[in-house]
Amino acid sequence: MRFFRKKQGLKNKGFRTGGFVLNIRKGVRFPVGKTVIAMFVDKAKIKIKAGDGGDGAVSFHREKYVASGGPDGGDGGKGGDIVFVVDDNFSTLEDFRYKRKYVAQRGDNGSSGNRTGKNAPDLIIRVPRGTLVRDAETGRIMADMSSDEPKILAKGGRGGKGNARFATPTRQIPKFAKPGFLGEEYEVTLELKLLADVGLVGFPNVGKSTLISVVSAAKPKIANYHFTTLTPVLGVVQMGEGKSFVMADIPGLIEGASDGVGLGHEFLRHVERCRLIVHVVDVSGIEGRDPAEDFEIINRELKNFSEELAERPQIVAANKCDMASPEQIENFRKYITELGLEFYEISAATTQGTKQLVNAISAELDKLPPIKEYEAEPLTQKELDEKAGMGEKFEITKGDDGVYYVEAPWLENIMRTVDMEDYSSLQYFQRVLRNSGVIERLEQMGIDEGDTVNIFGFEFDFVF
């Protein structure tokens, strides 16, 4: 067979087909006369960062004829949350290939007159229904975007307190305020698992696309060569009287798919949510394969991918029975019924037996629980410790010059709101160092009185 290489002029063009927005692969070879191959994106990795809280203000009331007006610095506003919502206008994660970082706005700083800074708006991220969001570092499931309920996956930081909050009878002129709290930040993986009641599985070219095209309104590409279907196709099967179910045509599996061979491994995840598996087998053996062996190979791949998936209820559809001999059909029927599975003779091309198959699928679905939804997993102990407030990360090294260097990004925000010339401000700063464990760590490292500590260029003499 002759091949040609896609023209460079097409590399950035996309088209819509089967409900999915697709982009043409770059540098892929295609059979002459065949439709251009398209890419279905169902995995992505992005970074999300909620907005930091605004800083509290250091301000004192100044008004003519009003002496010692006192502190009036307002609090900072809250940073924006990162909120995921389901949008049924999206079918793939294509957009996340081009934008990989999402940062919400920070809250406004407080101001004089006890004015609180404005809260920042939330950042909305829209994803296809069925998207599973995981923490990329731990693999923890953060959200299953299967319902219409919005999910806050990164919370914005609270605003810092203004200096008016720190006034006491003994500290009447506080010259410090608190910075805003940092917004939560994660690197997350997005994984699309299609929401379908029924998943069609089987070897390439056994007639899955033809079957879904005759029992639903789906219009997949159909041709007489392997891997014609390159993306999952969803079709709604109407049963009348307001009753229907969703069927998914999963691209053809082959032996070794669970280990990454062929195309099937890319889409096995989409079968995981299916309540029922319809195993389509070419009973005619027209391509020289044994139907029973095909059936065993596909089930082995499902088991290798997921033990739970292998135990999912199955119905076997023996396709192309119009091209098979009675002996072939009967031998395969005997093999399947001995396994305790339902067996249906069909010819998707002529619609023979398809109505009986659809009725059987509908009856079986009535007995099964709803489509699987994943529960969000709790935070790990490490994450809980970091959120506790006193688990701020820092690193201390002793230089060749004998100076102790403290590295702590969160300290930089605090230092911006502290007046190093004011005694009460320095007391506050010292309490922060003590509560966060910095001073304890310096003592463990053997610091002596009079040794120098450097924090972002500010140097202090250590005093016990």
Protein backbone atom coordinates (compact mmCIF):
# COMPACT_ATOMS: atom_id res chain seq x y z
CA MET A 1 0.00 0.00 0.00
CA ARG A 2 1.32 3.46 -0.90
CA PHE A 3 1.41 6.20 1.76
CA PHE A 4 1.70 9.96 1.68
CA ARG A 5 2.80 12.38 4.37
CA LYS A 6 0.37 15.05 5.54
CA LYS A 7 1.08 18.45 4.05
CA GLN A 8 2.74 20.94 6.37
CA GLY A 9 0.05 23.47 5.55
CA LEU A 10 -2.45 21.41 7.55
CA LYS A 11 -0.47 21.18 10.76
CA ASN A 12 -2.43 23.76 12.75
CA LYS A 13 -5.87 23.12 11.35
CA GLY A 14 -8.59 21.26 13.20
CA PHE A 15 -12.04 19.96 12.44
CA ARG A 16 -15.10 18.74 14.30
CA THR A 17 -16.39 15.20 13.93
CA GLY A 18 -18.57 12.88 15.97
CA GLY A 19 -19.06 15.52 18.65
CA PHE A 20 -15.34 15.81 19.41
CA VAL A 21 -13.11 18.77 18.59
CA LEU A 22 -10.03 17.23 17.04
CA ASN A 23 -6.63 18.39 15.88
CA ILE A 24 -4.69 16.78 13.06
CA ARG A 25 -1.57 14.92 14.13
CA LYS A 26 1.69 16.28 12.82
CA GLY A 27 3.84 14.05 10.61
CA VAL A 28 1.57 10.97 10.61
CA ARG A 29 1.42 8.77 7.50
CA PHE A 30 -2.00 7.94 6.11
CA PRO A 31 -3.27 5.37 3.59
CA VAL A 32 -3.99 6.91 0.20
CA GLY A 33 -7.64 7.92 -0.16
CA LYS A 34 -8.38 7.64 3.53
CA THR A 35 -9.64 10.35 5.86
CA VAL A 36 -7.01 12.28 7.83
CA ILE A 37 -6.24 10.80 11.26
CA ALA A 38 -7.34 12.96 14.21
CA MET A 39 -6.20 13.18 17.81
CA PHE A 40 -8.44 12.62 20.83
CA VAL A 41 -6.90 14.12 23.97
CA ASP A 42 -8.05 12.45 27.19
CA LYS A 43 -5.10 13.07 29.52
CA ALA A 44 -3.42 16.32 30.55
CA LYS A 45 -1.28 17.75 33.33
CA ILE A 46 -1.68 21.34 34.52
CA LYS A 47 -0.67 23.57 37.41
CA ILE A 48 -3.31 25.39 39.41
CA LYS A 49 -2.62 28.20 41.88
CA ALA A 50 -5.30 29.89 43.96
CA GLY A 51 -4.93 33.59 44.61
CA ASP A 52 -2.93 34.84 47.59
CA GLY A 53 -4.71 36.92 50.18
CA GLY A 54 -4.14 40.65 50.16
CA ASP A 55 -1.79 42.17 52.74
CA GLY A 56 -3.03 44.00 55.79
CA ALA A 57 -2.24 47.71 55.83
CA VAL A 58 -0.05 49.66 58.25
CA SER A 59 -1.75 53.03 58.61
CA PHE A 60 -2.54 55.63 61.29
CA HIS A 61 -5.53 57.93 61.41
CA ARG A 62 -4.61 61.47 60.49
CA GLU A 63 -7.16 64.23 60.79
CA LYS A 64 -6.94 67.90 61.64
CA TYR A 65 -7.62 68.56 65.31
CA VAL A 66 -7.57 64.81 66.08
CA ALA A 67 -4.47 63.94 68.09
CA SER A 68 -3.21 60.37 68.33
CA GLY A 69 -5.82 59.02 65.98
CA GLY A 70 -4.43 55.54 66.37
CA PRO A 71 -3.92 52.68 63.91
CA ASP A 72 -6.54 52.26 61.15
CA GLY A 73 -4.94 49.81 58.70
CA GLY A 74 -7.55 47.53 57.16
CA ASP A 75 -7.38 43.79 56.41
CA GLY A 76 -6.49 42.35 53.02
CA GLY A 77 -9.05 40.69 50.75
CA LYS A 78 -9.34 36.96 50.09
CA GLY A 79 -7.61 35.44 47.07
CA GLY A 80 -9.65 33.76 44.34
CA ASP A 81 -10.43 30.03 44.49
CA ILE A 82 -9.77 27.59 41.64
CA VAL A 83 -13.16 26.08 40.80
CA PHE A 84 -13.74 23.19 38.38
CA VAL A 85 -17.11 22.91 36.66
CA VAL A 86 -18.54 20.49 34.10
CA ASP A 87 -19.26 21.88 30.65
CA ASP A 88 -21.06 19.54 28.25
CA ASN A 89 -19.87 21.62 25.30
CA PHE A 90 -16.41 20.07 25.83
CA SER A 91 -15.68 16.48 24.84
CA THR A 92 -11.89 16.30 25.13
CA LEU A 93 -9.06 17.85 27.13
CA GLU A 94 -7.66 19.43 23.98
CA ASP A 95 -7.55 22.97 25.43
CA PHE A 96 -5.20 21.88 28.23
CA ARG A 97 -2.49 20.97 25.71
CA TYR A 98 -1.88 24.67 25.06
CA LYS A 99 -2.51 26.30 28.44
CA ARG A 100 -0.94 24.45 31.35
CA LYS A 101 -0.89 27.00 34.17
CA TYR A 102 -3.96 28.56 35.79
CA VAL A 103 -3.48 31.26 38.44
CA ALA A 104 -6.33 33.03 40.23
CA GLN A 105 -6.09 36.70 41.16
CA ARG A 106 -4.82 37.75 44.60
CA GLY A 107 -6.98 39.75 46.96
CA ASP A 108 -6.54 43.51 47.17
CA ASN A 109 -4.45 44.93 50.00
CA GLY A 110 -6.15 46.64 52.92
CA SER A 111 -6.03 50.43 53.13
CA SER A 112 -6.37 53.26 55.61
CA GLY A 113 -9.63 54.04 57.33
CA ASN A 114 -10.02 50.36 58.31
CA ARG A 115 -11.00 49.54 54.72
CA THR A 116 -10.78 45.86 53.84
CA GLY A 117 -9.33 44.96 50.46
CA LYS A 118 -11.64 43.59 47.78
CA ASN A 119 -11.92 39.80 47.50
CA ALA A 120 -10.60 38.41 44.21
CA PRO A 121 -12.99 36.59 41.82
CA ASP A 122 -12.78 32.81 41.53
CA LEU A 123 -11.07 31.28 38.50
CA ILE A 124 -13.44 28.87 36.73
CA ILE A 125 -11.90 25.93 34.84
CA ARG A 126 -14.32 24.09 32.56
CA VAL A 127 -13.80 20.39 31.85
CA PRO A 128 -15.74 17.63 30.04
CA ARG A 129 -18.13 15.52 32.08
CA GLY A 130 -16.36 12.43 33.41
CA THR A 131 -13.00 14.12 34.07
CA LEU A 132 -11.07 12.71 37.02
CA VAL A 133 -8.72 15.17 38.76
CA ARG A 134 -5.72 13.77 40.66
CA ASP A 135 -2.86 15.31 42.61
CA ALA A 136 0.10 14.67 40.30
CA GLU A 137 2.51 14.23 43.22
CA THR A 138 0.56 11.76 45.35
CA GLY A 139 -1.97 10.31 42.88
CA ARG A 140 -4.78 11.25 45.30
CA ILE A 141 -8.20 11.66 43.67
CA MET A 142 -9.24 15.28 44.26
CA ALA A 143 -12.52 15.31 42.34
CA ASP A 144 -14.66 13.31 39.94
CA MET A 145 -16.31 15.81 37.62
CA SER A 146 -19.34 13.71 36.77
CA SER A 147 -22.09 15.82 38.31
CA ASP A 148 -23.10 19.45 37.81
CA GLU A 149 -21.82 20.44 41.24
CA PRO A 150 -18.81 22.85 41.07
CA LYS A 151 -15.72 21.65 42.96
CA ILE A 152 -13.23 23.98 44.69
CA LEU A 153 -9.85 22.29 44.24
CA ALA A 154 -7.55 25.08 45.44
CA LYS A 155 -8.66 27.60 48.04
CA GLY A 156 -7.58 31.20 47.92
CA GLY A 157 -5.57 32.60 50.82
CA ARG A 158 -7.19 34.64 53.53
CA GLY A 159 -6.36 38.32 53.73
CA GLY A 160 -3.77 39.49 56.24
CA LYS A 161 -4.76 41.55 59.26
CA GLY A 162 -4.12 45.28 59.28
CA ASN A 163 -2.28 46.97 62.12
CA ALA A 164 -5.56 48.14 63.67
CA ARG A 165 -6.07 44.49 64.73
CA PHE A 166 -2.87 44.52 66.82
CA ALA A 167 -3.58 47.58 68.95
CA THR A 168 -3.72 46.89 72.71
CA PRO A 169 -3.65 49.13 75.80
CA THR A 170 0.08 48.49 76.09
CA ARG A 171 0.81 48.52 72.32
CA GLN A 172 -1.02 51.52 70.98
CA ILE A 173 1.02 52.19 67.84
CA PRO A 174 1.70 48.82 66.16
CA LYS A 175 3.84 49.41 63.08
CA PHE A 176 3.33 46.00 61.56
CA ALA A 177 0.58 44.06 59.83
CA LYS A 178 0.15 40.49 58.60
CA PRO A 179 0.65 39.56 54.97
CA GLY A 180 -2.04 37.64 53.12
CA PHE A 181 -2.00 33.87 53.35
CA LEU A 182 -0.73 32.03 50.29
CA GLY A 183 -3.28 30.37 48.03
CA GLU A 184 -3.17 26.61 47.61
CA GLU A 185 -1.09 25.34 44.71
CA TYR A 186 -1.13 21.94 43.02
CA GLU A 187 0.07 20.17 39.93
CA VAL A 188 -2.86 18.02 38.83
CA THR A 189 -3.50 15.41 36.18
CA LEU A 190 -6.78 15.42 34.29
CA GLU A 191 -8.02 12.08 33.05
CA LEU A 192 -11.20 11.75 31.01
CA LYS A 193 -13.20 8.58 31.67
CA LEU A 194 -16.27 8.60 29.45
CA LEU A 195 -19.65 8.26 31.11
CA ALA A 196 -21.34 5.40 29.29
CA ASP A 197 -23.65 2.61 30.42
CA VAL A 198 -22.35 0.10 27.86
CA GLY A 199 -18.87 -0.35 26.43
CA LEU A 200 -18.29 -2.19 23.14
CA VAL A 201 -14.99 -4.07 23.17
CA GLY A 202 -13.38 -6.41 20.71
CA PHE A 203 -10.64 -6.77 18.13
CA PRO A 204 -10.30 -4.18 15.34
CA ASN A 205 -12.64 -4.60 12.37
CA VAL A 206 -15.14 -6.89 14.14
CA GLY A 207 -18.05 -4.50 13.52
CA LYS A 208 -18.32 -2.39 16.69
CA SER A 209 -18.67 0.86 14.75
CA THR A 210 -21.30 -0.63 12.47
CA LEU A 211 -23.25 -1.89 15.48
CA ILE A 212 -23.33 1.48 17.28
CA SER A 213 -24.29 3.22 14.03
CA VAL A 214 -27.39 1.04 13.53
CA VAL A 215 -28.66 1.06 17.13
CA SER A 216 -28.05 4.78 17.84
CA ALA A 217 -27.70 8.13 16.08
CA ALA A 218 -23.90 8.01 16.27
CA LYS A 219 -22.10 8.27 12.92
CA PRO A 220 -18.64 6.77 13.39
CA LYS A 221 -16.26 6.26 10.52
CA ILE A 222 -16.70 2.76 9.07
CA ALA A 223 -14.24 1.07 6.71
CA ASN A 224 -12.86 -2.38 6.02
CA TYR A 225 -9.44 -1.99 7.61
CA HIS A 226 -8.03 -2.20 11.11
CA PHE A 227 -8.08 0.78 13.48
CA THR A 228 -10.67 2.66 11.44
CA THR A 229 -11.99 4.05 14.75
CA LEU A 230 -9.30 6.15 16.39
CA THR A 231 -11.39 7.89 19.06
CA PRO A 232 -14.12 6.68 21.42
CA VAL A 233 -17.59 7.25 19.98
CA LEU A 234 -20.67 7.76 22.14
CA GLY A 235 -24.19 6.95 20.99
CA VAL A 236 -27.53 7.23 22.78
CA VAL A 237 -29.76 4.18 22.26
CA GLN A 238 -33.46 5.12 22.55
CA MET A 239 -35.73 2.43 23.97
CA GLY A 240 -38.97 4.41 23.80
CA GLU A 241 -41.14 5.92 26.56
CA GLY A 242 -38.34 8.18 27.73
CA LYS A 243 -35.98 5.27 28.35
CA SER A 244 -32.46 5.23 26.87
CA PHE A 245 -28.86 4.31 27.59
CA VAL A 246 -25.44 5.47 26.41
CA MET A 247 -23.20 3.14 24.43
CA ALA A 248 -19.48 3.72 23.84
CA ASP A 249 -17.53 2.28 20.92
CA ILE A 250 -14.04 1.76 22.32
CA PRO A 251 -11.29 1.67 19.63
CA GLY A 252 -10.07 -1.83 18.82
CA LEU A 253 -7.97 -3.72 21.33
CA ILE A 254 -5.25 -6.16 20.39
CA GLU A 255 -3.07 -8.56 22.33
CA GLY A 256 -0.73 -6.62 24.61
CA ALA A 257 -3.00 -3.55 24.76
CA SER A 258 -2.76 -3.37 28.56
CA ASP A 259 1.03 -3.11 28.18
CA GLY A 260 0.79 -0.29 25.64
CA VAL A 261 0.55 -2.17 22.35
CA GLY A 262 -1.65 -0.74 19.60
CA LEU A 263 -4.30 1.90 20.23
CA GLY A 264 -6.48 0.08 22.75
CA HIS A 265 -4.36 0.88 25.81
CA GLU A 266 -5.06 4.57 25.25
CA PHE A 267 -8.78 4.01 25.75
CA LEU A 268 -9.09 1.16 28.23
CA ARG A 269 -9.72 3.76 30.95
CA HIS A 270 -12.98 4.69 29.22
CA VAL A 271 -14.39 1.20 29.82
CA GLU A 272 -13.87 1.51 33.59
CA ARG A 273 -17.08 3.42 34.21
CA CYS A 274 -19.25 1.20 31.98
CA ARG A 275 -21.86 -0.82 33.85
CA LEU A 276 -22.00 -3.52 31.18
CA ILE A 277 -19.54 -4.77 28.57
CA VAL A 278 -20.75 -6.00 25.19
CA HIS A 279 -18.03 -8.17 23.73
CA VAL A 280 -18.27 -8.10 19.92
CA VAL A 281 -16.61 -11.07 18.20
CA ASP A 282 -16.24 -11.83 14.50
CA VAL A 283 -17.75 -15.32 14.50
CA SER A 284 -17.10 -15.83 10.78
CA GLY A 285 -13.32 -16.05 11.23
CA ILE A 286 -13.02 -14.29 7.88
CA GLU A 287 -9.63 -12.83 8.85
CA GLY A 288 -8.25 -16.22 9.78
CA ARG A 289 -8.64 -15.84 13.55
CA ASP A 290 -10.41 -18.17 15.97
CA PRO A 291 -13.41 -16.43 17.67
CA ALA A 292 -12.85 -18.25 20.98
CA GLU A 293 -9.19 -17.25 21.02
CA ASP A 294 -10.11 -13.62 20.24
CA PHE A 295 -12.57 -13.66 23.13
CA GLU A 296 -9.95 -14.98 25.56
CA ILE A 297 -7.29 -12.49 24.44
CA ILE A 298 -9.52 -9.45 24.92
CA ASN A 299 -10.71 -10.61 28.34
CA ARG A 300 -7.09 -11.22 29.34
CA GLU A 301 -6.23 -7.64 28.38
CA LEU A 302 -9.17 -6.31 30.39
CA LYS A 303 -8.03 -8.32 33.42
CA ASN A 304 -4.42 -7.17 33.08
CA PHE A 305 -5.63 -3.58 33.02
CA SER A 306 -8.04 -3.93 35.95
CA GLU A 307 -9.27 -6.92 37.97
CA GLU A 308 -12.47 -5.01 38.68
CA LEU A 309 -13.03 -4.42 34.98
CA ALA A 310 -12.64 -8.12 34.20
CA GLU A 311 -15.47 -8.93 36.63
CA ARG A 312 -17.90 -6.50 34.98
CA PRO A 313 -21.03 -8.22 33.52
CA GLN A 314 -20.64 -9.19 29.84
CA ILE A 315 -22.92 -9.99 26.94
CA VAL A 316 -21.38 -11.61 23.87
CA ALA A 317 -22.46 -10.45 20.42
CA ALA A 318 -21.38 -12.89 17.69
CA ASN A 319 -21.20 -10.55 14.71
CA LYS A 320 -21.03 -11.30 10.97
CA CYS A 321 -23.18 -14.40 11.45
CA ASP A 322 -24.47 -13.88 7.90
CA MET A 323 -20.95 -14.74 6.70
CA ALA A 324 -20.42 -17.67 9.10
CA SER A 325 -21.38 -21.30 8.70
CA PRO A 326 -23.94 -22.85 11.09
CA GLU A 327 -21.15 -25.01 12.50
CA GLN A 328 -18.99 -21.96 13.34
CA ILE A 329 -21.89 -20.25 15.08
CA GLU A 330 -22.89 -23.35 17.02
CA ASN A 331 -19.32 -24.11 18.19
CA PHE A 332 -18.87 -20.56 19.46
CA ARG A 333 -22.32 -20.53 21.08
CA LYS A 334 -21.49 -23.71 22.99
CA TYR A 335 -18.17 -22.22 24.15
CA ILE A 336 -19.81 -19.00 25.43
CA THR A 337 -22.83 -20.60 27.10
CA GLU A 338 -20.53 -23.00 28.98
CA LEU A 339 -18.93 -19.88 30.48
CA GLY A 340 -22.36 -18.81 31.71
CA LEU A 341 -22.61 -15.75 29.47
CA GLU A 342 -25.51 -14.55 27.32
CA PHE A 343 -24.96 -15.15 23.59
CA TYR A 344 -26.58 -13.28 20.69
CA GLU A 345 -26.21 -13.89 16.97
CA ILE A 346 -26.13 -10.62 15.06
CA SER A 347 -25.19 -9.12 11.74
CA ALA A 348 -24.66 -5.42 12.33
CA ALA A 349 -24.38 -4.78 8.59
CA THR A 350 -27.89 -6.18 7.93
CA THR A 351 -29.30 -5.32 11.41
CA GLN A 352 -30.13 -9.00 11.93
CA GLY A 353 -30.51 -9.71 15.66
CA THR A 354 -29.61 -6.17 16.73
CA LYS A 355 -33.05 -5.43 18.18
CA GLN A 356 -32.93 -8.53 20.37
CA LEU A 357 -29.43 -7.58 21.51
CA VAL A 358 -30.48 -4.03 22.45
CA ASN A 359 -33.50 -5.34 24.40
CA ALA A 360 -31.25 -7.73 26.30
CA ILE A 361 -28.79 -4.92 27.09
CA SER A 362 -31.59 -2.71 28.39
CA ALA A 363 -32.97 -5.51 30.57
CA GLU A 364 -29.53 -6.21 32.03
CA LEU A 365 -28.89 -2.52 32.77
CA ASP A 366 -32.10 -2.41 34.81
CA LYS A 367 -30.49 -4.87 37.25
CA LEU A 368 -27.17 -3.03 37.58
CA PRO A 369 -26.12 -0.15 39.85
CA PRO A 370 -25.61 3.37 38.40
CA ILE A 371 -22.46 4.46 36.55
CA LYS A 372 -19.47 4.43 38.87
CA GLU A 373 -18.41 7.70 40.43
CA TYR A 374 -15.10 8.07 42.27
CA GLU A 375 -15.04 9.53 45.76
CA ALA A 376 -12.55 12.29 46.52
CA GLU A 377 -9.76 10.86 48.69
CA PRO A 378 -8.77 12.56 51.96
CA LEU A 379 -5.57 14.57 52.31
CA THR A 380 -2.41 12.68 53.18
CA GLN A 381 -0.84 13.26 56.61
CA LYS A 382 1.94 15.25 54.96
CA GLU A 383 -0.60 17.56 53.32
CA LEU A 384 -2.49 17.95 56.59
CA ASP A 385 0.73 18.90 58.38
CA GLU A 386 1.51 21.54 55.78
CA LYS A 387 -1.99 23.01 56.10
CA ALA A 388 -1.82 23.12 59.90
CA GLY A 389 -0.16 26.55 59.84
CA MET A 390 3.03 25.79 61.72
CA GLY A 391 4.40 23.42 59.15
CA GLU A 392 5.95 26.12 56.97
CA LYS A 393 8.92 24.81 55.01
CA PHE A 394 12.31 26.35 55.54
CA GLU A 395 15.94 25.45 55.02
CA ILE A 396 18.94 26.70 57.00
CA THR A 397 22.55 26.39 55.82
CA LYS A 398 25.78 27.60 57.40
CA GLY A 399 28.06 29.39 54.96
CA ASP A 400 31.84 29.35 54.86
CA ASP A 401 31.73 32.83 56.38
CA GLY A 402 30.02 31.44 59.49
CA VAL A 403 26.70 33.11 58.66
CA TYR A 404 23.47 31.10 59.02
CA TYR A 405 21.32 31.56 55.91
CA VAL A 406 17.57 30.99 56.30
CA GLU A 407 15.63 30.10 53.11
CA ALA A 408 11.85 30.38 53.59
CA PRO A 409 9.70 31.92 50.81
CA TRP A 410 6.76 32.55 53.17
CA LEU A 411 8.99 34.71 55.41
CA GLU A 412 9.53 37.21 52.62
CA ASN A 413 5.86 38.26 52.72
CA ILE A 414 5.99 38.72 56.50
CA MET A 415 9.16 40.82 56.34
CA ARG A 416 7.47 43.23 53.95
CA THR A 417 4.98 44.20 56.65
CA VAL A 418 7.44 44.50 59.55
CA ASP A 419 9.19 47.75 60.52
CA MET A 420 12.71 46.65 61.45
CA GLU A 421 13.26 49.95 63.28
CA ASP A 422 10.28 49.40 65.58
CA TYR A 423 10.70 47.36 68.77
CA SER A 424 7.16 45.90 68.78
CA SER A 425 7.50 44.91 65.13
CA LEU A 426 10.74 43.06 65.87
CA GLN A 427 9.06 41.30 68.79
CA TYR A 428 6.30 40.13 66.46
CA PHE A 429 8.87 38.93 63.91
CA GLN A 430 10.74 37.03 66.60
CA ARG A 431 7.52 35.27 67.67
CA VAL A 432 6.98 34.17 64.07
CA LEU A 433 10.49 32.68 63.94
CA ARG A 434 9.95 30.94 67.26
CA ASN A 435 6.50 29.51 66.40
CA SER A 436 7.58 28.28 62.96
CA GLY A 437 10.57 26.36 64.39
CA VAL A 438 13.32 28.46 62.80
CA ILE A 439 14.92 29.44 66.13
CA GLU A 440 14.70 25.88 67.43
CA ARG A 441 16.44 24.62 64.29
CA LEU A 442 19.21 27.23 64.67
CA GLU A 443 19.80 26.08 68.23
CA GLN A 444 19.95 22.44 67.07
CA MET A 445 22.63 23.44 64.54
CA GLY A 446 24.75 24.83 67.38
CA ILE A 447 24.39 28.56 66.85
CA ASP A 448 26.20 30.71 69.46
CA GLU A 449 25.24 34.07 70.86
CA GLY A 450 26.46 36.83 68.61
CA ASP A 451 26.48 34.65 65.45
CA THR A 452 24.96 36.24 62.35
CA VAL A 453 21.66 35.11 60.82
CA ASN A 454 20.82 36.20 57.26
CA ILE A 455 17.19 36.22 56.10
CA PHE A 456 16.72 37.58 52.56
CA GLY A 457 19.63 39.98 52.96
CA PHE A 458 18.67 41.19 56.44
CA GLU A 459 21.35 40.24 58.96
CA PHE A 460 20.70 39.84 62.69
CA ASP A 461 22.89 38.99 65.65
CA PHE A 462 21.55 35.93 67.45
CA VAL A 463 20.79 36.54 71.15
CA PHE A 464 19.65 33.85 73.57
